[in-house]
Amino acid sequence: MGGAAGIVVCGGRSSRMGRPKALLPWRGRPMVAHVVARLREVVEEVVVVSAPDLELPALDARVVVDREPGLGPLAGLREGLAAIRADRAIAVGTDAPWLDRAFIETLLGFGDAAAPVLDGHVQTLCAVYPRAAGAAAEALLAAGRRRPLDLLEALDFRRVEAHELPSLEPTRGFNTPGDYLAAVRADDPEARATLELLGQARRRTGHAELEVPVDTLAGVLAHAGPELGAVAGGELSRHYLVSLDGGAFLRGAGVPIGADEHVIVMDAAAGG
């Protein structure tokens, strides 16, 4: 099969973010769904490489599991290249909010192995790889070499300079809560989340529900007022449980809360 595919690598631990980057909301859907949709504007085949323990939403893509997520993005690329049917693929990370059609088409136009080089840094997770490079990735990993750059160099890739691209924005991602929240605010300065207070949290503050600007969890909780006492020394109080959208409980006060997310504060005893 000819043509091109898209590969989305989202197997990282997102340790600096505090929650999976793939699931962060962006323009009304999880980030990974947004990236898949952008790729789908250009290519007919998209493969998402996921960590074994990451529960992804329904996607317009095939999902494959990274067998060795601890080996980093080169292992993810290996899985993605092994799964595609097309001759080549544009590979991106899941944190690509500004990805667009013009950028994808331009990068694919540089051949079977190409990557932007910005300020001397090769953008290895915003690059084009041939399907046949999966075997080379396997050999590099077997030799203890884990850098995607090693794979691109083995392919004698086309170095794409900044002036050859329609925009540099699609190469921008985010690794920290601050990076993500800055992107959300740039996209929608009025972005809001909902804070719901139950039990003693409601009694202490007199608030049942508040619409608040997107922020870290600590910043969101601060809108309830000091009477809440939910955060001390950067840690959540043991007297409360904090649920995100009625699902997973959050513990890190620094995790980001995105647009339209619903934070629920309840008594710790209620979750026991």
Protein backbone atom coordinates (compact mmCIF):
# COMPACT_ATOMS: atom_id res chain seq x y z
CA MET A 1 0.00 0.00 0.00
CA GLY A 2 1.33 3.44 -0.86
CA GLY A 3 0.47 6.82 0.60
CA ALA A 4 1.10 8.02 4.12
CA ALA A 5 -0.20 7.28 7.58
CA GLY A 6 -0.15 9.08 10.90
CA ILE A 7 1.36 7.77 14.14
CA VAL A 8 0.51 9.31 17.51
CA VAL A 9 2.90 8.32 20.30
CA CYS A 10 1.24 8.70 23.70
CA GLY A 11 2.95 6.09 25.83
CA GLY A 12 4.86 8.45 28.13
CA ARG A 13 4.27 8.64 31.88
CA SER A 14 3.51 12.39 31.86
CA SER A 15 5.19 12.59 35.25
CA ARG A 16 5.75 16.34 35.07
CA MET A 17 2.13 16.93 34.04
CA GLY A 18 0.68 14.82 36.86
CA ARG A 19 -1.95 13.25 34.59
CA PRO A 20 -1.86 11.71 31.09
CA LYS A 21 -1.32 14.34 28.41
CA ALA A 22 -3.39 12.30 25.98
CA LEU A 23 -6.51 12.83 28.11
CA LEU A 24 -6.17 16.56 28.77
CA PRO A 25 -9.14 18.42 27.28
CA TRP A 26 -8.61 20.53 24.17
CA ARG A 27 -11.42 22.25 22.29
CA GLY A 28 -14.04 19.97 23.75
CA ARG A 29 -12.35 16.59 23.42
CA PRO A 30 -9.30 14.72 24.76
CA MET A 31 -6.01 15.91 23.31
CA VAL A 32 -5.31 12.57 21.61
CA ALA A 33 -8.67 12.75 19.80
CA HIS A 34 -7.84 16.27 18.61
CA VAL A 35 -4.47 15.14 17.22
CA VAL A 36 -6.03 12.13 15.50
CA ALA A 37 -8.63 14.39 13.88
CA ARG A 38 -5.96 16.77 12.56
CA LEU A 39 -4.04 13.88 11.04
CA ARG A 40 -7.23 12.46 9.54
CA GLU A 41 -7.61 15.65 7.50
CA VAL A 42 -4.62 14.51 5.44
CA VAL A 43 -4.08 10.76 5.87
CA GLU A 44 -6.54 7.86 5.78
CA GLU A 45 -4.72 5.68 8.32
CA VAL A 46 -3.85 6.68 11.89
CA VAL A 47 -2.24 4.46 14.52
CA VAL A 48 -2.10 5.48 18.19
CA VAL A 49 0.64 3.90 20.31
CA SER A 50 -0.53 3.69 23.91
CA ALA A 51 1.03 2.72 27.22
CA PRO A 52 -0.39 -0.58 28.58
CA ASP A 53 -2.22 1.06 31.48
CA LEU A 54 -3.60 4.09 29.62
CA GLU A 55 -7.37 3.99 29.07
CA LEU A 56 -8.01 5.94 25.89
CA PRO A 57 -11.38 7.22 24.66
CA ALA A 58 -12.95 5.94 21.45
CA LEU A 59 -10.78 7.15 18.57
CA ASP A 60 -10.95 7.28 14.78
CA ALA A 61 -7.71 5.29 14.75
CA ARG A 62 -6.23 1.87 15.47
CA VAL A 63 -4.68 1.60 18.92
CA VAL A 64 -1.61 -0.55 19.54
CA VAL A 65 0.08 -1.08 22.89
CA ASP A 66 3.72 -0.25 23.44
CA ARG A 67 5.29 -3.55 24.57
CA GLU A 68 8.20 -1.78 26.29
CA PRO A 69 7.06 1.71 27.31
CA GLY A 70 10.06 2.11 29.59
CA LEU A 71 12.33 2.31 26.55
CA GLY A 72 10.97 5.70 25.50
CA PRO A 73 9.63 7.15 22.25
CA LEU A 74 11.85 5.07 19.95
CA ALA A 75 10.01 1.96 21.16
CA GLY A 76 6.73 3.72 20.48
CA LEU A 77 7.87 4.54 16.96
CA ARG A 78 8.83 0.91 16.45
CA GLU A 79 5.33 -0.20 17.40
CA GLY A 80 3.67 2.39 15.20
CA LEU A 81 5.79 1.63 12.13
CA ALA A 82 5.13 -2.08 12.54
CA ALA A 83 1.38 -1.43 12.61
CA ILE A 84 0.91 0.86 9.62
CA ARG A 85 0.05 -0.38 6.14
CA ALA A 86 1.19 2.75 4.29
CA ASP A 87 4.77 3.17 3.04
CA ARG A 88 5.55 5.99 5.47
CA ALA A 89 4.06 7.97 8.31
CA ILE A 90 4.21 11.32 9.97
CA ALA A 91 4.81 10.66 13.66
CA VAL A 92 3.77 13.13 16.34
CA GLY A 93 3.41 13.20 20.08
CA THR A 94 0.02 13.44 21.73
CA ASP A 95 0.80 16.99 22.90
CA ALA A 96 0.39 18.69 19.51
CA PRO A 97 -2.46 21.19 19.96
CA TRP A 98 -1.44 23.40 17.05
CA LEU A 99 -1.01 20.65 14.46
CA ASP A 100 -2.71 21.58 11.19
CA ARG A 101 -3.27 20.41 7.64
CA ALA A 102 -0.78 22.78 5.99
CA PHE A 103 2.04 21.64 8.26
CA ILE A 104 1.29 17.93 7.81
CA GLU A 105 1.12 18.22 4.01
CA THR A 106 4.30 20.28 3.85
CA LEU A 107 6.32 17.91 6.01
CA LEU A 108 5.14 14.86 4.08
CA GLY A 109 6.26 16.62 0.92
CA PHE A 110 9.92 16.38 1.94
CA GLY A 111 10.11 12.62 1.40
CA ASP A 112 10.15 9.39 3.38
CA ALA A 113 12.49 10.56 6.16
CA ALA A 114 12.31 14.20 7.18
CA ALA A 115 12.24 16.26 10.37
CA PRO A 116 12.20 19.95 11.29
CA VAL A 117 15.40 21.32 12.80
CA LEU A 118 14.67 24.30 15.02
CA ASP A 119 17.44 26.17 16.82
CA GLY A 120 19.68 23.19 16.21
CA HIS A 121 17.24 20.68 17.72
CA VAL A 122 15.74 17.91 15.60
CA GLN A 123 12.01 17.47 16.20
CA THR A 124 11.99 13.68 16.27
CA LEU A 125 8.33 13.42 17.30
CA CYS A 126 7.18 15.73 14.57
CA ALA A 127 8.83 13.86 11.72
CA VAL A 128 8.31 11.51 8.77
CA TYR A 129 9.57 7.92 8.88
CA PRO A 130 9.38 5.11 6.30
CA ARG A 131 7.56 1.97 7.38
CA ALA A 132 10.73 -0.03 6.69
CA ALA A 133 12.50 1.90 9.46
CA GLY A 134 10.70 -0.24 12.04
CA ALA A 135 13.36 -2.93 11.65
CA ALA A 136 16.12 -0.36 12.14
CA ALA A 137 14.38 0.90 15.29
CA GLU A 138 14.26 -2.68 16.59
CA ALA A 139 17.99 -3.09 15.96
CA LEU A 140 18.83 0.19 17.69
CA LEU A 141 16.81 -0.76 20.76
CA ALA A 142 18.50 -4.17 20.87
CA ALA A 143 21.84 -2.35 20.88
CA GLY A 144 20.76 -0.18 23.81
CA ARG A 145 20.25 2.96 21.73
CA ARG A 146 16.97 4.65 22.56
CA ARG A 147 17.07 8.01 20.77
CA PRO A 148 14.72 8.58 17.83
CA LEU A 149 17.46 10.84 16.48
CA ASP A 150 19.67 7.77 16.02
CA LEU A 151 16.97 6.33 13.77
CA LEU A 152 16.63 9.49 11.70
CA GLU A 153 20.39 9.74 11.28
CA ALA A 154 20.53 6.11 10.16
CA LEU A 155 17.97 7.04 7.51
CA ASP A 156 20.00 10.03 6.29
CA PHE A 157 16.92 12.16 6.86
CA ARG A 158 16.03 15.44 5.21
CA ARG A 159 16.65 18.30 7.60
CA VAL A 160 13.76 20.76 7.25
CA GLU A 161 14.65 24.32 8.25
CA ALA A 162 12.21 26.71 9.89
CA HIS A 163 11.78 28.90 6.81
CA GLU A 164 10.62 25.87 4.81
CA LEU A 165 7.57 25.32 7.02
CA PRO A 166 4.27 27.23 6.86
CA SER A 167 4.37 27.74 10.63
CA LEU A 168 6.39 26.63 13.63
CA GLU A 169 3.36 26.45 15.93
CA PRO A 170 2.63 22.76 15.17
CA THR A 171 6.02 21.82 16.63
CA ARG A 172 5.08 23.30 20.00
CA GLY A 173 3.88 20.89 22.68
CA PHE A 174 3.74 20.98 26.47
CA ASN A 175 5.44 19.04 29.24
CA THR A 176 4.32 20.87 32.36
CA PRO A 177 1.00 22.10 33.79
CA GLY A 178 2.14 25.66 33.14
CA ASP A 179 2.83 24.93 29.48
CA TYR A 180 -0.57 23.30 29.01
CA LEU A 181 -2.52 26.00 30.82
CA ALA A 182 -0.72 28.71 28.83
CA ALA A 183 -1.81 26.97 25.61
CA VAL A 184 -5.42 26.69 26.81
CA ARG A 185 -5.54 30.37 27.79
CA ALA A 186 -3.99 31.42 24.49
CA ASP A 187 -6.62 29.41 22.62
CA ASP A 188 -9.52 30.60 24.79
CA PRO A 189 -8.89 33.36 27.35
CA GLU A 190 -12.37 32.72 28.78
CA ALA A 191 -11.86 28.99 29.38
CA ARG A 192 -13.61 27.85 32.56
CA ALA A 193 -13.95 24.77 34.74
CA THR A 194 -16.63 23.86 37.30
CA LEU A 195 -15.91 23.44 41.00
CA GLU A 196 -18.57 21.56 42.99
CA LEU A 197 -18.42 21.41 46.78
CA LEU A 198 -20.10 18.73 48.88
CA GLY A 199 -20.36 17.97 52.61
CA GLN A 200 -18.16 19.99 54.93
CA ALA A 201 -16.60 21.80 51.96
CA ARG A 202 -20.02 23.29 51.16
CA ARG A 203 -20.77 24.04 54.79
CA ARG A 204 -17.45 25.77 55.37
CA THR A 205 -17.52 27.95 52.29
CA GLY A 206 -21.23 28.46 51.65
CA HIS A 207 -20.64 27.55 48.01
CA ALA A 208 -22.31 24.69 46.17
CA GLU A 209 -20.89 25.23 42.67
CA LEU A 210 -18.58 27.77 41.09
CA GLU A 211 -17.47 28.50 37.54
CA VAL A 212 -13.75 29.28 37.74
CA PRO A 213 -10.90 29.99 35.30
CA VAL A 214 -8.77 27.03 34.25
CA ASP A 215 -5.78 26.58 36.53
CA THR A 216 -3.91 24.01 38.55
CA LEU A 217 -6.04 22.10 41.03
CA ALA A 218 -4.70 24.31 43.83
CA GLY A 219 -5.66 27.41 41.86
CA VAL A 220 -9.15 26.08 41.15
CA LEU A 221 -9.73 25.20 44.81
CA ALA A 222 -8.54 28.64 45.92
CA HIS A 223 -11.67 30.18 44.39
CA ALA A 224 -13.73 28.58 47.15
CA GLY A 225 -11.96 30.80 49.66
CA PRO A 226 -9.52 30.17 52.53
CA GLU A 227 -12.29 28.64 54.65
CA LEU A 228 -12.09 25.49 52.52
CA GLY A 229 -8.60 24.62 53.75
CA ALA A 230 -8.13 22.06 50.99
CA VAL A 231 -4.47 22.76 50.26
CA ALA A 232 -1.63 23.25 52.73
CA GLY A 233 2.05 23.29 51.87
CA GLY A 234 1.30 22.30 48.30
CA GLU A 235 -0.54 19.14 49.39
CA LEU A 236 -4.23 18.28 49.44
CA SER A 237 -5.80 18.01 52.88
CA ARG A 238 -6.43 14.47 54.09
CA HIS A 239 -9.93 15.61 55.08
CA TYR A 240 -11.05 15.82 51.44
CA LEU A 241 -11.25 13.72 48.32
CA VAL A 242 -11.17 15.49 44.97
CA SER A 243 -12.72 13.79 41.96
CA LEU A 244 -12.32 14.80 38.32
CA ASP A 245 -15.58 14.54 36.36
CA GLY A 246 -16.88 12.01 38.88
CA GLY A 247 -14.12 9.55 37.98
CA ALA A 248 -10.50 9.39 39.08
CA PHE A 249 -9.44 10.95 42.37
CA LEU A 250 -6.73 13.59 42.18
CA ARG A 251 -3.95 13.92 44.75
CA GLY A 252 -1.49 16.36 43.24
CA ALA A 253 -2.36 19.99 43.92
CA GLY A 254 -0.33 21.03 40.90
CA VAL A 255 -2.16 19.01 38.23
CA PRO A 256 -3.83 21.13 35.54
CA ILE A 257 -7.58 21.45 35.20
CA GLY A 258 -8.71 22.17 31.66
CA ALA A 259 -11.70 23.77 30.00
CA ASP A 260 -15.14 22.37 30.93
CA GLU A 261 -13.74 19.89 33.44
CA HIS A 262 -15.73 19.25 36.62
CA VAL A 263 -13.88 19.15 39.94
CA ILE A 264 -15.84 17.67 42.86
CA VAL A 265 -14.67 18.13 46.46
CA MET A 266 -16.14 15.72 49.01
CA ASP A 267 -15.45 14.53 52.53
CA ALA A 268 -12.74 11.88 52.72
CA ALA A 269 -15.11 9.63 54.66
CA ALA A 270 -17.57 9.76 51.76
CA GLY A 271 -15.08 8.01 49.50
CA GLY A 272 -14.23 5.32 51.97
